[in-house]
Amino acid sequence: MEDWKGADVFVEALSLNKQKKQIDMVYFIGDGDEKKNIQTVASSINDLKIKFKEFLSREDLNAIYNACHILILPSKSEGFPKVVAEALSYGCVPVVSNVGSIDQYINEKNGIILVERTPKYINMAIEKLLSCRTSLKKMAKNGLKTSELFTYEKYNKRIESIVLND
């Protein structure tokens, strides 16, 4: 949980949310310089269950993806984060900043690209997904199709084509 990952603006967005009772659990995964500050702010949010997890085994991380419906990643900078592809493969709808190559894969059909990286816009995205479960399910299905672009088989074929074509 570093400043550039956006956990601080996400936790502020949660404090603005008026639909907290619809949220079963919020997970913060990772460690970092901002963790204590984020835990302090999160502990002041009423009507919301929040768990902090540090380093997880692949099995434990997959169990969290499987339990969740939404991934929030309001980063200041990324290439294309592996976490987005992993979450898509479990049916999680990404709410992400428009950084790196994210907009080449995430769009209004399979996720939400934040207009601004602010608590207000993150909260608006969360409330939009919570208020229309049909739209959330449709985006999740479209995200599963998108996740097929990131299989090891496709990766290996791409590497082979680059190596053999050189």
C-alpha atoms as a PDB file:
ATOM      1  CA  MET A   1       0.000   0.000   0.000  1.00  0.00           C
ATOM      2  CA  GLU A   2       2.014   2.806  -1.423  1.00  0.00           C
ATOM      3  CA  ASP A   3       0.782   6.277  -2.300  1.00  0.00           C
ATOM      4  CA  TRP A   4       0.888   5.600  -6.056  1.00  0.00           C
ATOM      5  CA  LYS A   5      -1.396   2.529  -5.790  1.00  0.00           C
ATOM      6  CA  GLY A   6      -4.329   4.610  -4.540  1.00  0.00           C
ATOM      7  CA  ALA A   7      -5.472   2.724  -1.444  1.00  0.00           C
ATOM      8  CA  ASP A   8      -5.720   6.077   0.336  1.00  0.00           C
ATOM      9  CA  VAL A   9      -8.232   7.524  -2.147  1.00  0.00           C
ATOM     10  CA  PHE A  10     -10.125   4.215  -2.192  1.00  0.00           C
ATOM     11  CA  VAL A  11     -10.599   4.187   1.582  1.00  0.00           C
ATOM     12  CA  GLU A  12     -11.783   7.802   1.424  1.00  0.00           C
ATOM     13  CA  ALA A  13     -14.271   6.766  -1.268  1.00  0.00           C
ATOM     14  CA  LEU A  14     -15.602   4.055   1.037  1.00  0.00           C
ATOM     15  CA  SER A  15     -16.288   6.667   3.698  1.00  0.00           C
ATOM     16  CA  LEU A  16     -18.510   8.531   1.183  1.00  0.00           C
ATOM     17  CA  ASN A  17     -20.457   5.434   0.146  1.00  0.00           C
ATOM     18  CA  LYS A  18     -24.154   5.417   1.010  1.00  0.00           C
ATOM     19  CA  GLN A  19     -24.678   1.756   0.068  1.00  0.00           C
ATOM     20  CA  LYS A  20     -22.292   0.206   2.604  1.00  0.00           C
ATOM     21  CA  LYS A  21     -24.886  -2.321   3.750  1.00  0.00           C
ATOM     22  CA  GLN A  22     -24.717  -3.911   0.282  1.00  0.00           C
ATOM     23  CA  ILE A  23     -20.987  -4.523   0.675  1.00  0.00           C
ATOM     24  CA  ASP A  24     -20.236  -7.798   2.447  1.00  0.00           C
ATOM     25  CA  MET A  25     -16.485  -7.314   2.806  1.00  0.00           C
ATOM     26  CA  VAL A  26     -13.678  -5.090   1.564  1.00  0.00           C
ATOM     27  CA  TYR A  27     -10.192  -6.560   1.290  1.00  0.00           C
ATOM     28  CA  PHE A  28      -6.995  -4.557   1.182  1.00  0.00           C
ATOM     29  CA  ILE A  29      -4.224  -6.817  -0.068  1.00  0.00           C
ATOM     30  CA  GLY A  30      -0.567  -5.963   0.423  1.00  0.00           C
ATOM     31  CA  ASP A  31       1.789  -4.070   2.637  1.00  0.00           C
ATOM     32  CA  GLY A  32       3.616  -0.786   2.379  1.00  0.00           C
ATOM     33  CA  ASP A  33       4.369   2.615   3.830  1.00  0.00           C
ATOM     34  CA  GLU A  34       0.736   3.764   3.840  1.00  0.00           C
ATOM     35  CA  LYS A  35      -0.781   0.666   5.458  1.00  0.00           C
ATOM     36  CA  LYS A  36      -1.043   2.058   9.000  1.00  0.00           C
ATOM     37  CA  ASN A  37      -2.630   5.315   7.785  1.00  0.00           C
ATOM     38  CA  ILE A  38      -5.123   3.405   5.655  1.00  0.00           C
ATOM     39  CA  GLN A  39      -5.994   1.093   8.556  1.00  0.00           C
ATOM     40  CA  THR A  40      -6.596   4.116  10.790  1.00  0.00           C
ATOM     41  CA  VAL A  41      -8.956   5.770   8.295  1.00  0.00           C
ATOM     42  CA  ALA A  42     -10.689   2.451   7.535  1.00  0.00           C
ATOM     43  CA  SER A  43     -11.313   1.754  11.227  1.00  0.00           C
ATOM     44  CA  SER A  44     -13.369   4.958  11.443  1.00  0.00           C
ATOM     45  CA  ILE A  45     -15.822   3.866   8.717  1.00  0.00           C
ATOM     46  CA  ASN A  46     -19.037   2.579  10.251  1.00  0.00           C
ATOM     47  CA  ASP A  47     -21.208  -0.183   8.770  1.00  0.00           C
ATOM     48  CA  LEU A  48     -18.421  -1.731   6.729  1.00  0.00           C
ATOM     49  CA  LYS A  49     -16.363  -4.880   7.232  1.00  0.00           C
ATOM     50  CA  ILE A  50     -12.752  -4.423   6.147  1.00  0.00           C
ATOM     51  CA  LYS A  51      -9.944  -6.969   6.238  1.00  0.00           C
ATOM     52  CA  PHE A  52      -6.279  -6.288   5.669  1.00  0.00           C
ATOM     53  CA  LYS A  53      -4.177  -9.091   4.231  1.00  0.00           C
ATOM     54  CA  GLU A  54      -0.473  -8.952   3.568  1.00  0.00           C
ATOM     55  CA  PHE A  55       1.256 -11.513   1.431  1.00  0.00           C
ATOM     56  CA  LEU A  56      -1.022 -14.380   0.407  1.00  0.00           C
ATOM     57  CA  SER A  57      -0.497 -17.756  -1.147  1.00  0.00           C
ATOM     58  CA  ARG A  58      -1.867 -18.155  -4.660  1.00  0.00           C
ATOM     59  CA  GLU A  59      -4.650 -20.336  -3.238  1.00  0.00           C
ATOM     60  CA  ASP A  60      -5.683 -17.719  -0.651  1.00  0.00           C
ATOM     61  CA  LEU A  61      -5.562 -14.904  -3.196  1.00  0.00           C
ATOM     62  CA  ASN A  62      -7.683 -16.916  -5.632  1.00  0.00           C
ATOM     63  CA  ALA A  63     -10.228 -17.541  -2.857  1.00  0.00           C
ATOM     64  CA  ILE A  64     -10.540 -13.783  -2.324  1.00  0.00           C
ATOM     65  CA  TYR A  65     -10.936 -13.148  -6.064  1.00  0.00           C
ATOM     66  CA  ASN A  66     -13.610 -15.847  -6.102  1.00  0.00           C
ATOM     67  CA  ALA A  67     -15.507 -14.208  -3.230  1.00  0.00           C
ATOM     68  CA  CYS A  68     -15.377 -10.684  -4.658  1.00  0.00           C
ATOM     69  CA  HIS A  69     -17.335  -8.911  -7.387  1.00  0.00           C
ATOM     70  CA  ILE A  70     -15.304  -5.743  -7.852  1.00  0.00           C
ATOM     71  CA  LEU A  71     -11.589  -4.878  -7.997  1.00  0.00           C
ATOM     72  CA  ILE A  72     -10.632  -1.285  -7.232  1.00  0.00           C
ATOM     73  CA  LEU A  73      -7.199  -0.137  -8.450  1.00  0.00           C
ATOM     74  CA  PRO A  74      -6.911   3.671  -8.632  1.00  0.00           C
ATOM     75  CA  SER A  75      -3.176   3.710  -9.405  1.00  0.00           C
ATOM     76  CA  LYS A  76      -1.219   6.761 -10.465  1.00  0.00           C
ATOM     77  CA  SER A  77       1.019   4.632 -12.669  1.00  0.00           C
ATOM     78  CA  GLU A  78       0.926   1.100 -14.117  1.00  0.00           C
ATOM     79  CA  GLY A  79       1.854  -0.832 -17.214  1.00  0.00           C
ATOM     80  CA  PHE A  80      -0.867  -3.425 -17.343  1.00  0.00           C
ATOM     81  CA  PRO A  81      -1.172  -4.820 -13.833  1.00  0.00           C
ATOM     82  CA  LYS A  82      -1.448  -8.608 -13.617  1.00  0.00           C
ATOM     83  CA  VAL A  83      -3.995  -8.196 -10.831  1.00  0.00           C
ATOM     84  CA  VAL A  84      -6.545  -6.828 -13.330  1.00  0.00           C
ATOM     85  CA  ALA A  85      -6.276  -9.878 -15.607  1.00  0.00           C
ATOM     86  CA  GLU A  86      -6.396 -12.213 -12.613  1.00  0.00           C
ATOM     87  CA  ALA A  87      -9.487 -10.498 -11.201  1.00  0.00           C
ATOM     88  CA  LEU A  88     -11.224 -10.590 -14.599  1.00  0.00           C
ATOM     89  CA  SER A  89     -10.691 -14.350 -14.752  1.00  0.00           C
ATOM     90  CA  TYR A  90     -12.686 -14.685 -11.519  1.00  0.00           C
ATOM     91  CA  GLY A  91     -15.520 -12.454 -12.688  1.00  0.00           C
ATOM     92  CA  CYS A  92     -14.442  -9.352 -10.769  1.00  0.00           C
ATOM     93  CA  VAL A  93     -15.326  -6.090 -12.467  1.00  0.00           C
ATOM     94  CA  PRO A  94     -12.351  -3.702 -12.442  1.00  0.00           C
ATOM     95  CA  VAL A  95     -12.652  -0.058 -11.450  1.00  0.00           C
ATOM     96  CA  VAL A  96      -9.306   1.335 -12.565  1.00  0.00           C
ATOM     97  CA  SER A  97      -7.382   4.483 -13.423  1.00  0.00           C
ATOM     98  CA  ASN A  98      -6.701   5.194 -17.068  1.00  0.00           C
ATOM     99  CA  VAL A  99      -2.959   4.625 -16.877  1.00  0.00           C
ATOM    100  CA  GLY A 100      -0.522   2.470 -18.818  1.00  0.00           C
ATOM    101  CA  SER A 101      -2.217   0.130 -21.265  1.00  0.00           C
ATOM    102  CA  ILE A 102      -5.310  -0.444 -19.146  1.00  0.00           C
ATOM    103  CA  ASP A 103      -7.663   1.240 -21.621  1.00  0.00           C
ATOM    104  CA  GLN A 104      -6.578  -1.207 -24.333  1.00  0.00           C
ATOM    105  CA  TYR A 105      -8.388  -3.962 -22.415  1.00  0.00           C
ATOM    106  CA  ILE A 106     -10.830  -2.342 -19.995  1.00  0.00           C
ATOM    107  CA  ASN A 107     -13.816  -0.393 -21.257  1.00  0.00           C
ATOM    108  CA  GLU A 108     -17.465   0.300 -20.386  1.00  0.00           C
ATOM    109  CA  LYS A 109     -18.406  -3.269 -21.365  1.00  0.00           C
ATOM    110  CA  ASN A 110     -16.142  -5.052 -18.879  1.00  0.00           C
ATOM    111  CA  GLY A 111     -15.260  -2.469 -16.228  1.00  0.00           C
ATOM    112  CA  ILE A 112     -15.088   1.164 -15.292  1.00  0.00           C
ATOM    113  CA  ILE A 113     -12.213   3.475 -16.119  1.00  0.00           C
ATOM    114  CA  LEU A 114     -12.223   6.300 -13.616  1.00  0.00           C
ATOM    115  CA  VAL A 115     -12.791   9.766 -15.052  1.00  0.00           C
ATOM    116  CA  GLU A 116     -10.710  11.117 -12.182  1.00  0.00           C
ATOM    117  CA  ARG A 117      -8.635   9.377  -9.538  1.00  0.00           C
ATOM    118  CA  THR A 118     -10.575  10.916  -6.650  1.00  0.00           C
ATOM    119  CA  PRO A 119     -12.707   9.547  -3.801  1.00  0.00           C
ATOM    120  CA  LYS A 120     -15.787  11.113  -5.417  1.00  0.00           C
ATOM    121  CA  TYR A 121     -15.347   9.294  -8.739  1.00  0.00           C
ATOM    122  CA  ILE A 122     -14.335   6.006  -7.145  1.00  0.00           C
ATOM    123  CA  ASN A 123     -17.448   6.152  -4.962  1.00  0.00           C
ATOM    124  CA  MET A 124     -19.627   6.992  -7.972  1.00  0.00           C
ATOM    125  CA  ALA A 125     -18.285   3.901  -9.767  1.00  0.00           C
ATOM    126  CA  ILE A 126     -18.906   1.660  -6.764  1.00  0.00           C
ATOM    127  CA  GLU A 127     -22.427   2.999  -6.274  1.00  0.00           C
ATOM    128  CA  LYS A 128     -23.159   2.548  -9.990  1.00  0.00           C
ATOM    129  CA  LEU A 129     -22.155  -1.127  -9.824  1.00  0.00           C
ATOM    130  CA  LEU A 130     -24.013  -1.736  -6.556  1.00  0.00           C
ATOM    131  CA  SER A 131     -27.213  -0.091  -7.791  1.00  0.00           C
ATOM    132  CA  CYS A 132     -27.484  -2.222 -10.931  1.00  0.00           C
ATOM    133  CA  ARG A 133     -26.578  -5.855 -10.308  1.00  0.00           C
ATOM    134  CA  THR A 134     -27.684  -6.779 -13.845  1.00  0.00           C
ATOM    135  CA  SER A 135     -25.065  -4.436 -15.287  1.00  0.00           C
ATOM    136  CA  LEU A 136     -22.469  -5.788 -12.834  1.00  0.00           C
ATOM    137  CA  LYS A 137     -23.172  -9.370 -13.952  1.00  0.00           C
ATOM    138  CA  LYS A 138     -23.003  -8.412 -17.627  1.00  0.00           C
ATOM    139  CA  MET A 139     -19.671  -6.638 -17.133  1.00  0.00           C
ATOM    140  CA  ALA A 140     -18.358  -9.670 -15.221  1.00  0.00           C
ATOM    141  CA  LYS A 141     -19.291 -11.986 -18.099  1.00  0.00           C
ATOM    142  CA  ASN A 142     -17.623  -9.676 -20.601  1.00  0.00           C
ATOM    143  CA  GLY A 143     -14.582  -9.538 -18.334  1.00  0.00           C
ATOM    144  CA  LEU A 144     -14.321 -13.322 -18.378  1.00  0.00           C
ATOM    145  CA  LYS A 145     -14.076 -13.124 -22.174  1.00  0.00           C
ATOM    146  CA  THR A 146     -11.388 -10.450 -21.884  1.00  0.00           C
ATOM    147  CA  SER A 147      -9.402 -12.589 -19.444  1.00  0.00           C
ATOM    148  CA  GLU A 148      -8.985 -15.200 -22.186  1.00  0.00           C
ATOM    149  CA  LEU A 149      -6.460 -12.810 -23.786  1.00  0.00           C
ATOM    150  CA  PHE A 150      -4.120 -13.404 -20.845  1.00  0.00           C
ATOM    151  CA  THR A 151      -3.695 -17.177 -20.741  1.00  0.00           C
ATOM    152  CA  TYR A 152      -0.251 -18.763 -20.482  1.00  0.00           C
ATOM    153  CA  GLU A 153      -0.919 -20.496 -23.792  1.00  0.00           C
ATOM    154  CA  LYS A 154      -1.422 -17.155 -25.557  1.00  0.00           C
ATOM    155  CA  TYR A 155       1.608 -15.715 -23.790  1.00  0.00           C
ATOM    156  CA  ASN A 156       3.792 -18.643 -24.856  1.00  0.00           C
ATOM    157  CA  LYS A 157       2.574 -18.424 -28.462  1.00  0.00           C
ATOM    158  CA  ARG A 158       3.360 -14.703 -28.502  1.00  0.00           C
ATOM    159  CA  ILE A 159       6.868 -15.326 -27.182  1.00  0.00           C
ATOM    160  CA  GLU A 160       7.402 -18.069 -29.789  1.00  0.00           C
ATOM    161  CA  SER A 161       6.240 -15.769 -32.581  1.00  0.00           C
ATOM    162  CA  ILE A 162       8.595 -13.008 -31.450  1.00  0.00           C
ATOM    163  CA  VAL A 163      11.588 -15.333 -31.052  1.00  0.00           C
ATOM    164  CA  LEU A 164      10.995 -17.290 -34.274  1.00  0.00           C
ATOM    165  CA  ASN A 165      10.277 -14.178 -36.347  1.00  0.00           C
ATOM    166  CA  ASP A 166      13.512 -12.441 -35.356  1.00  0.00           C
END
